[in-house]
């Protein structure tokens, strides 16, 4: 093992935290916070999910794949209920719930070891390594953050301004 190998796990975990907690989550909160409850639960059709469904789904996914798996906690996720909900919680309530789960996930990411990243886990019927579980959560969260951003832009009819800093640097083109 080289000295670079010893840096791989900390770099992976640092980047995972940066994407999940430093980029996707703050932007998602900006998308969701100004929306009315009716907008949170709006669906373009029966085959699509609302922002509310996606937030419930992300809460369940992060809890199952990161929090419960690495903490060896009982998984009590009800995935079908995440998609079946048609109304209920407000934007603030949904963001609070997901925020609490992400706080727990941050603690997991802060303490994971190389051994845990290489260890086998069975999550949602999949046989994965810890590394796979972290990557799945970050990638999955990014996918649904993009959907939420798109729905928000469609509902509000405005640019969210997440990349305005690129205009000042010449990197926008």
Protein backbone atom coordinates (compact mmCIF):
# COMPACT_ATOMS: atom_id res chain seq x y z
CA UNK A 1 0.00 0.00 0.00
CA UNK A 2 1.41 3.40 -0.95
CA UNK A 3 0.96 6.65 0.96
CA UNK A 4 -1.58 7.69 -1.69
CA UNK A 5 -3.66 4.60 -0.88
CA UNK A 6 -3.96 5.81 2.71
CA UNK A 7 -5.49 9.06 1.45
CA UNK A 8 -8.10 7.45 -0.79
CA UNK A 9 -10.81 6.76 1.82
CA UNK A 10 -10.58 10.20 3.48
CA UNK A 11 -10.67 11.90 0.06
CA UNK A 12 -13.68 9.84 -1.03
CA UNK A 13 -15.55 10.59 2.20
CA UNK A 14 -14.64 14.30 2.08
CA UNK A 15 -15.91 14.59 -1.50
CA UNK A 16 -19.06 12.63 -0.62
CA UNK A 17 -19.80 15.00 2.28
CA UNK A 18 -19.09 18.01 0.05
CA UNK A 19 -21.51 16.90 -2.68
CA UNK A 20 -24.26 15.57 -0.41
CA UNK A 21 -24.19 18.07 2.45
CA UNK A 22 -22.38 21.06 0.96
CA UNK A 23 -23.96 21.24 -2.49
CA UNK A 24 -27.07 19.12 -3.06
CA UNK A 25 -28.73 19.63 0.33
CA UNK A 26 -28.38 23.44 0.55
CA UNK A 27 -29.61 23.86 -3.01
CA UNK A 28 -32.50 21.48 -2.42
CA UNK A 29 -33.54 23.50 0.63
CA UNK A 30 -33.48 26.67 -1.48
CA UNK A 31 -35.74 24.98 -4.03
CA UNK A 32 -38.25 23.64 -1.53
CA UNK A 33 -38.45 26.28 1.21
CA UNK A 34 -40.47 28.90 -0.72
CA UNK A 35 -43.04 26.44 -2.05
CA UNK A 36 -46.60 26.23 -0.76
CA UNK A 37 -47.92 22.89 0.43
CA UNK A 38 -49.98 22.49 -2.75
CA UNK A 39 -46.84 22.96 -4.85
CA UNK A 40 -44.94 20.42 -2.72
CA UNK A 41 -47.56 17.76 -3.46
CA UNK A 42 -48.28 18.69 -7.10
CA UNK A 43 -47.79 15.89 -9.64
CA UNK A 44 -47.88 16.45 -13.40
CA UNK A 45 -49.55 13.04 -13.82
CA UNK A 46 -50.19 9.80 -11.92
CA UNK A 47 -46.95 8.23 -13.18
CA UNK A 48 -44.82 11.01 -11.66
CA UNK A 49 -43.79 11.88 -8.12
CA UNK A 50 -44.29 15.13 -6.28
CA UNK A 51 -41.52 16.99 -4.50
CA UNK A 52 -43.08 15.71 -1.26
CA UNK A 53 -42.74 12.11 -2.45
CA UNK A 54 -39.14 12.69 -3.46
CA UNK A 55 -38.27 14.21 -0.08
CA UNK A 56 -39.88 11.30 1.77
CA UNK A 57 -38.06 8.91 -0.57
CA UNK A 58 -34.68 10.56 0.01
CA UNK A 59 -35.23 10.48 3.76
CA UNK A 60 -35.94 6.74 3.58
CA UNK A 61 -33.02 6.06 1.26
CA UNK A 62 -30.40 7.98 3.26
CA UNK A 63 -31.62 6.45 6.51
CA UNK A 64 -31.63 2.88 5.13
CA UNK A 65 -28.39 3.00 3.14
CA UNK A 66 -26.19 5.18 5.36
CA UNK A 67 -27.60 5.60 8.84
CA UNK A 68 -29.17 2.22 9.61
CA UNK A 69 -26.67 0.12 7.65
CA UNK A 70 -23.51 1.57 9.14
CA UNK A 71 -25.00 1.97 12.62
CA UNK A 72 -26.32 -1.60 12.47
CA UNK A 73 -29.79 -0.26 13.35
CA UNK A 74 -33.08 -1.89 12.50
CA UNK A 75 -34.36 -0.81 9.10
CA UNK A 76 -37.98 0.35 9.43
CA UNK A 77 -38.30 1.92 6.01
CA UNK A 78 -41.67 1.75 4.24
CA UNK A 79 -40.64 2.53 0.67
CA UNK A 80 -44.12 2.12 -0.88
CA UNK A 81 -45.50 4.74 1.55
CA UNK A 82 -42.90 7.26 0.32
CA UNK A 83 -44.49 7.17 -3.13
CA UNK A 84 -48.11 6.65 -2.06
CA UNK A 85 -48.38 9.91 -0.10
CA UNK A 86 -50.50 12.50 -1.88
CA UNK A 87 -50.48 15.34 0.64
CA UNK A 88 -49.74 16.13 4.24
CA UNK A 89 -46.49 17.56 5.46
CA UNK A 90 -45.44 21.12 4.63
CA UNK A 91 -42.14 22.07 3.03
CA UNK A 92 -40.74 23.03 6.45
CA UNK A 93 -41.78 19.71 7.99
CA UNK A 94 -40.34 17.65 5.13
CA UNK A 95 -37.08 19.61 5.15
CA UNK A 96 -36.81 19.24 8.93
CA UNK A 97 -37.28 15.48 8.72
CA UNK A 98 -34.73 15.06 5.93
CA UNK A 99 -32.36 17.48 7.65
CA UNK A 100 -32.39 15.39 10.83
CA UNK A 101 -31.61 12.26 8.82
CA UNK A 102 -28.78 14.06 7.01
CA UNK A 103 -27.36 15.18 10.37
CA UNK A 104 -27.19 11.51 11.36
CA UNK A 105 -25.68 10.62 7.97
CA UNK A 106 -23.02 13.31 8.43
CA UNK A 107 -21.96 11.69 11.71
CA UNK A 108 -21.66 8.35 9.92
CA UNK A 109 -19.58 9.85 7.11
CA UNK A 110 -17.35 11.57 9.68
CA UNK A 111 -16.46 8.30 11.40
CA UNK A 112 -16.35 5.68 8.64
CA UNK A 113 -13.17 3.65 8.45
CA UNK A 114 -11.49 1.93 5.53
CA UNK A 115 -12.59 -1.40 6.98
CA UNK A 116 -16.23 -0.27 7.00
CA UNK A 117 -15.96 0.99 3.43
CA UNK A 118 -14.61 -2.38 2.32
CA UNK A 119 -16.96 -4.50 4.46
CA UNK A 120 -19.90 -6.35 2.89
CA UNK A 121 -23.46 -5.23 3.64
CA UNK A 122 -26.87 -6.39 2.55
CA UNK A 123 -29.06 -3.35 1.94
CA UNK A 124 -32.49 -3.51 0.36
CA UNK A 125 -31.69 -6.99 -0.90
CA UNK A 126 -28.44 -5.89 -2.58
CA UNK A 127 -25.03 -7.28 -1.62
CA UNK A 128 -22.72 -4.26 -1.54
CA UNK A 129 -19.57 -2.92 0.08
CA UNK A 130 -19.68 0.12 2.32
CA UNK A 131 -18.06 2.14 -0.45
CA UNK A 132 -20.94 1.19 -2.76
CA UNK A 133 -23.51 2.28 -0.18
CA UNK A 134 -21.97 5.74 0.23
CA UNK A 135 -21.67 6.20 -3.51
CA UNK A 136 -25.25 5.04 -4.05
CA UNK A 137 -26.60 7.58 -1.55
CA UNK A 138 -24.67 10.52 -3.02
CA UNK A 139 -25.55 9.61 -6.62
CA UNK A 140 -29.19 8.88 -5.76
CA UNK A 141 -29.55 12.14 -3.82
CA UNK A 142 -28.07 14.08 -6.75
CA UNK A 143 -30.51 12.47 -9.17
CA UNK A 144 -33.55 13.44 -7.11
CA UNK A 145 -32.15 16.88 -6.26
CA UNK A 146 -32.08 17.49 -10.03
CA UNK A 147 -35.70 16.42 -10.34
CA UNK A 148 -36.71 18.72 -7.48
CA UNK A 149 -34.79 21.63 -9.04
CA UNK A 150 -36.53 21.01 -12.37
CA UNK A 151 -39.99 20.85 -10.77
CA UNK A 152 -39.27 24.03 -8.80
CA UNK A 153 -38.12 25.87 -11.92
CA UNK A 154 -41.24 24.70 -13.73
CA UNK A 155 -43.53 25.83 -10.91
CA UNK A 156 -41.85 29.18 -10.29
CA UNK A 157 -40.84 29.98 -13.87
CA UNK A 158 -37.44 31.36 -12.89
CA UNK A 159 -33.78 30.43 -12.86
CA UNK A 160 -32.60 29.25 -9.47
CA UNK A 161 -29.21 30.97 -9.85
CA UNK A 162 -27.11 28.08 -8.56
CA UNK A 163 -24.31 28.67 -11.07
CA UNK A 164 -24.27 32.48 -11.23
CA UNK A 165 -20.69 32.49 -9.93
CA UNK A 166 -19.59 31.01 -13.27
CA UNK A 167 -20.57 34.22 -15.06
CA UNK A 168 -17.88 36.10 -13.11
CA UNK A 169 -15.13 33.59 -13.89
CA UNK A 170 -15.54 33.08 -17.60
CA UNK A 171 -16.37 29.39 -17.01
CA UNK A 172 -20.02 29.81 -18.02
CA UNK A 173 -19.32 29.25 -21.69
